[in-house]
């Protein structure tokens, strides 16, 4: 738990102080790098500590850093983008930690889709996105969606190796399937809610396929 707190505290300092002149980059840096928490998950031995002491406290913390905070705390990371995006991020992690505690790879694949996948989609889409599309109000790009698709496959494979979940071509096909559906969900989800829908889609889909097999 302390490892999570320390790591996130360092990321917040870097994003708010070192990268403060680049608010969009600051937000995406925090969004993507928080994903490395997946490597800390095996240290937890208790469902309630992971979900309610390591993950859930970030829900009010990120809300207080958001534009909707009654304290009006100025945060470059929260103001550059959807105001509640980081709050949804924290809610997702809390839910995954509680529901899938006994199979931490299922938590990890949700974090991969939410952090690396969605993070790289926004980063590359903002920088290189030329072919735009709009579904349910939010403008996305083909380049961003492709970046997300391949990011989930790449970092999902790393997570599989880390959790001894990799079983050759079957695992690659599973990652391609999950990545495709997570990318579609991200493309059609509006107003920052993709930080909820993408992670839940990836983890629940992986769980369903695992049970079916």
Protein backbone atom coordinates (compact mmCIF):
# COMPACT_ATOMS: atom_id res chain seq x y z
CA UNK A 1 0.00 0.00 0.00
CA UNK A 2 2.82 2.37 0.90
CA UNK A 3 4.55 1.49 -2.38
CA UNK A 4 1.44 2.59 -4.28
CA UNK A 5 1.16 5.84 -2.32
CA UNK A 6 4.84 6.66 -2.78
CA UNK A 7 4.80 5.89 -6.49
CA UNK A 8 1.66 7.94 -7.19
CA UNK A 9 2.97 10.82 -5.03
CA UNK A 10 6.17 10.92 -7.12
CA UNK A 11 4.12 10.90 -10.34
CA UNK A 12 1.92 13.76 -9.11
CA UNK A 13 4.98 15.85 -8.20
CA UNK A 14 6.52 15.21 -11.62
CA UNK A 15 3.31 15.98 -13.50
CA UNK A 16 2.39 19.07 -11.47
CA UNK A 17 5.86 20.59 -11.03
CA UNK A 18 8.31 19.29 -13.63
CA UNK A 19 5.77 19.14 -16.50
CA UNK A 20 3.58 22.01 -15.34
CA UNK A 21 4.27 24.07 -18.48
CA UNK A 22 2.83 21.30 -20.65
CA UNK A 23 -0.64 20.53 -19.18
CA UNK A 24 -1.70 18.01 -21.84
CA UNK A 25 1.61 16.13 -21.61
CA UNK A 26 1.41 16.33 -17.82
CA UNK A 27 -2.01 14.70 -17.83
CA UNK A 28 -1.03 11.96 -20.25
CA UNK A 29 2.23 11.30 -18.36
CA UNK A 30 0.25 10.74 -15.17
CA UNK A 31 -2.44 8.73 -16.99
CA UNK A 32 0.06 6.34 -18.60
CA UNK A 33 2.62 6.00 -15.83
CA UNK A 34 0.02 5.14 -13.18
CA UNK A 35 -0.41 1.96 -15.19
CA UNK A 36 2.86 0.68 -13.75
CA UNK A 37 0.90 -0.05 -10.57
CA UNK A 38 0.12 -3.37 -12.21
CA UNK A 39 3.65 -4.47 -11.25
CA UNK A 40 2.91 -3.73 -7.57
CA UNK A 41 -0.31 -5.77 -7.37
CA UNK A 42 1.35 -9.09 -6.39
CA UNK A 43 2.54 -7.47 -3.12
CA UNK A 44 -1.05 -7.31 -1.85
CA UNK A 45 -2.36 -10.23 0.18
CA UNK A 46 -5.72 -8.76 1.20
CA UNK A 47 -8.62 -7.75 -1.06
CA UNK A 48 -9.88 -5.01 1.25
CA UNK A 49 -6.50 -3.35 1.68
CA UNK A 50 -5.95 -3.21 -2.07
CA UNK A 51 -9.44 -1.98 -2.91
CA UNK A 52 -10.34 0.28 0.00
CA UNK A 53 -6.99 1.48 1.37
CA UNK A 54 -4.76 1.55 -1.73
CA UNK A 55 -7.24 2.35 -4.52
CA UNK A 56 -10.40 3.96 -3.12
CA UNK A 57 -8.66 6.91 -1.35
CA UNK A 58 -7.65 8.22 -4.77
CA UNK A 59 -11.33 8.75 -5.66
CA UNK A 60 -11.80 11.75 -3.32
CA UNK A 61 -8.20 12.87 -3.88
CA UNK A 62 -8.59 13.09 -7.67
CA UNK A 63 -12.00 14.73 -7.24
CA UNK A 64 -10.43 17.43 -5.07
CA UNK A 65 -7.86 17.97 -7.84
CA UNK A 66 -10.59 18.25 -10.48
CA UNK A 67 -12.27 21.43 -11.76
CA UNK A 68 -15.39 20.40 -9.78
CA UNK A 69 -13.58 20.48 -6.43
CA UNK A 70 -15.08 22.80 -3.78
CA UNK A 71 -11.51 23.51 -2.67
CA UNK A 72 -10.55 24.83 -6.13
CA UNK A 73 -7.15 23.15 -6.06
CA UNK A 74 -5.33 24.03 -9.27
CA UNK A 75 -4.12 20.93 -11.04
CA UNK A 76 -2.60 20.97 -14.52
CA UNK A 77 -3.18 17.23 -14.94
CA UNK A 78 -6.89 17.36 -14.12
CA UNK A 79 -7.70 20.57 -15.96
CA UNK A 80 -6.23 19.46 -19.30
CA UNK A 81 -8.98 17.20 -20.59
CA UNK A 82 -12.15 15.76 -19.12
CA UNK A 83 -12.40 17.11 -15.59
CA UNK A 84 -13.46 13.85 -13.96
CA UNK A 85 -11.27 11.54 -16.04
CA UNK A 86 -8.86 10.76 -13.20
CA UNK A 87 -11.78 10.21 -10.81
CA UNK A 88 -13.24 7.59 -13.16
CA UNK A 89 -9.76 6.08 -13.39
CA UNK A 90 -9.66 5.67 -9.60
CA UNK A 91 -13.19 4.22 -9.49
CA UNK A 92 -12.23 1.63 -12.11
CA UNK A 93 -9.15 0.53 -10.22
CA UNK A 94 -11.12 0.22 -6.97
CA UNK A 95 -13.80 -1.89 -8.63
CA UNK A 96 -11.29 -4.17 -10.38
CA UNK A 97 -9.21 -4.58 -7.22
CA UNK A 98 -12.22 -5.75 -5.23
CA UNK A 99 -13.92 -7.95 -7.83
CA UNK A 100 -10.87 -9.64 -9.40
CA UNK A 101 -8.48 -9.73 -6.45
CA UNK A 102 -7.99 -13.49 -6.69
CA UNK A 103 -6.79 -13.26 -10.30
CA UNK A 104 -4.57 -10.20 -10.47
CA UNK A 105 -3.96 -10.53 -14.19
CA UNK A 106 -7.61 -9.59 -14.71
CA UNK A 107 -6.95 -6.40 -12.76
CA UNK A 108 -3.76 -5.85 -14.75
CA UNK A 109 -5.40 -6.16 -18.19
CA UNK A 110 -8.01 -3.58 -17.18
CA UNK A 111 -5.25 -1.23 -16.03
CA UNK A 112 -3.34 -1.84 -19.28
CA UNK A 113 -6.37 -0.90 -21.38
CA UNK A 114 -7.19 2.11 -19.23
CA UNK A 115 -3.69 3.54 -18.74
CA UNK A 116 -1.45 2.52 -21.64
CA UNK A 117 -4.21 1.96 -24.18
CA UNK A 118 -6.37 5.00 -23.58
CA UNK A 119 -3.33 7.11 -22.69
CA UNK A 120 -1.46 6.41 -25.93
CA UNK A 121 -4.69 6.85 -27.92
CA UNK A 122 -4.99 10.40 -26.62
CA UNK A 123 -1.28 11.16 -26.86
CA UNK A 124 -0.82 9.98 -30.45
CA UNK A 125 -4.28 11.12 -31.50
CA UNK A 126 -3.56 14.67 -30.35
CA UNK A 127 -0.15 14.74 -32.01
CA UNK A 128 -0.74 12.79 -35.23
CA UNK A 129 -4.52 12.44 -35.55
CA UNK A 130 -5.55 13.56 -39.04
CA UNK A 131 -8.45 11.25 -39.82
CA UNK A 132 -11.16 12.33 -37.39
CA UNK A 133 -14.43 10.67 -36.50
CA UNK A 134 -17.14 11.63 -34.04
CA UNK A 135 -19.53 9.27 -32.27
CA UNK A 136 -21.85 10.46 -29.47
CA UNK A 137 -20.27 13.91 -29.45
CA UNK A 138 -16.57 13.27 -28.73
CA UNK A 139 -14.08 13.68 -31.57
CA UNK A 140 -11.52 10.86 -31.91
CA UNK A 141 -9.02 9.92 -34.61
CA UNK A 142 -8.17 6.76 -36.52
CA UNK A 143 -4.49 7.27 -35.62
CA UNK A 144 -5.32 7.48 -31.93
CA UNK A 145 -7.50 4.37 -32.05
CA UNK A 146 -4.78 2.39 -33.84
CA UNK A 147 -2.26 3.52 -31.22
CA UNK A 148 -4.57 2.23 -28.51
CA UNK A 149 -5.09 -1.10 -30.27
CA UNK A 150 -1.37 -1.84 -30.55
CA UNK A 151 -0.52 -0.42 -27.11
CA UNK A 152 -2.93 -2.84 -25.41
CA UNK A 153 -1.44 -5.77 -27.32
CA UNK A 154 2.15 -4.76 -26.48
CA UNK A 155 1.70 -3.92 -22.80
CA UNK A 156 -0.87 -6.67 -22.37
CA UNK A 157 1.78 -9.16 -23.53
CA UNK A 158 4.23 -7.73 -20.97
CA UNK A 159 1.57 -8.13 -18.26
CA UNK A 160 0.93 -11.71 -19.38
CA UNK A 161 4.61 -12.56 -19.10
CA UNK A 162 4.83 -10.87 -15.71
CA UNK A 163 1.86 -12.87 -14.36
CA UNK A 164 2.86 -16.14 -16.08
CA UNK A 165 -0.34 -15.97 -18.11
CA UNK A 166 1.28 -16.21 -21.54
CA UNK A 167 0.51 -19.41 -23.45
CA UNK A 168 1.73 -18.72 -26.99
CA UNK A 169 -0.55 -18.01 -29.94
CA UNK A 170 -3.71 -18.49 -27.86
CA UNK A 171 -2.67 -15.60 -25.62
CA UNK A 172 -1.85 -13.38 -28.61
CA UNK A 173 -5.30 -14.04 -30.10
CA UNK A 174 -6.88 -13.25 -26.73
CA UNK A 175 -5.01 -9.93 -26.57
CA UNK A 176 -6.02 -9.02 -30.13
CA UNK A 177 -9.67 -9.78 -29.31
CA UNK A 178 -9.64 -7.78 -26.06
CA UNK A 179 -7.72 -4.92 -27.66
CA UNK A 180 -10.17 -4.68 -30.56
CA UNK A 181 -13.25 -4.47 -28.33
CA UNK A 182 -11.60 -2.10 -25.85
CA UNK A 183 -10.63 0.19 -28.75
CA UNK A 184 -14.18 0.15 -30.13
CA UNK A 185 -15.58 0.95 -26.68
CA UNK A 186 -13.13 3.84 -26.30
CA UNK A 187 -14.13 5.18 -29.69
CA UNK A 188 -17.83 5.34 -28.85
CA UNK A 189 -17.63 6.41 -25.18
CA UNK A 190 -18.11 10.16 -24.57
CA UNK A 191 -17.06 12.68 -21.94
CA UNK A 192 -14.14 10.93 -20.27
CA UNK A 193 -16.24 7.92 -19.29
CA UNK A 194 -13.83 5.73 -21.25
CA UNK A 195 -11.71 5.56 -18.09
CA UNK A 196 -14.57 3.45 -16.73
CA UNK A 197 -15.81 1.59 -19.79
CA UNK A 198 -12.46 0.61 -21.33
CA UNK A 199 -11.00 -0.99 -18.20
CA UNK A 200 -14.20 -2.82 -17.30
CA UNK A 201 -14.62 -4.07 -20.87
CA UNK A 202 -11.08 -5.49 -20.98
CA UNK A 203 -11.24 -7.21 -17.57
CA UNK A 204 -14.78 -8.58 -17.85
CA UNK A 205 -14.20 -9.78 -21.41
CA UNK A 206 -10.97 -11.52 -20.36
CA UNK A 207 -12.77 -13.10 -17.40
CA UNK A 208 -15.60 -14.32 -19.62
CA UNK A 209 -13.27 -15.85 -22.19
CA UNK A 210 -11.17 -17.48 -19.46
CA UNK A 211 -14.27 -19.03 -17.90
CA UNK A 212 -15.51 -20.22 -21.29
CA UNK A 213 -12.22 -21.97 -21.97
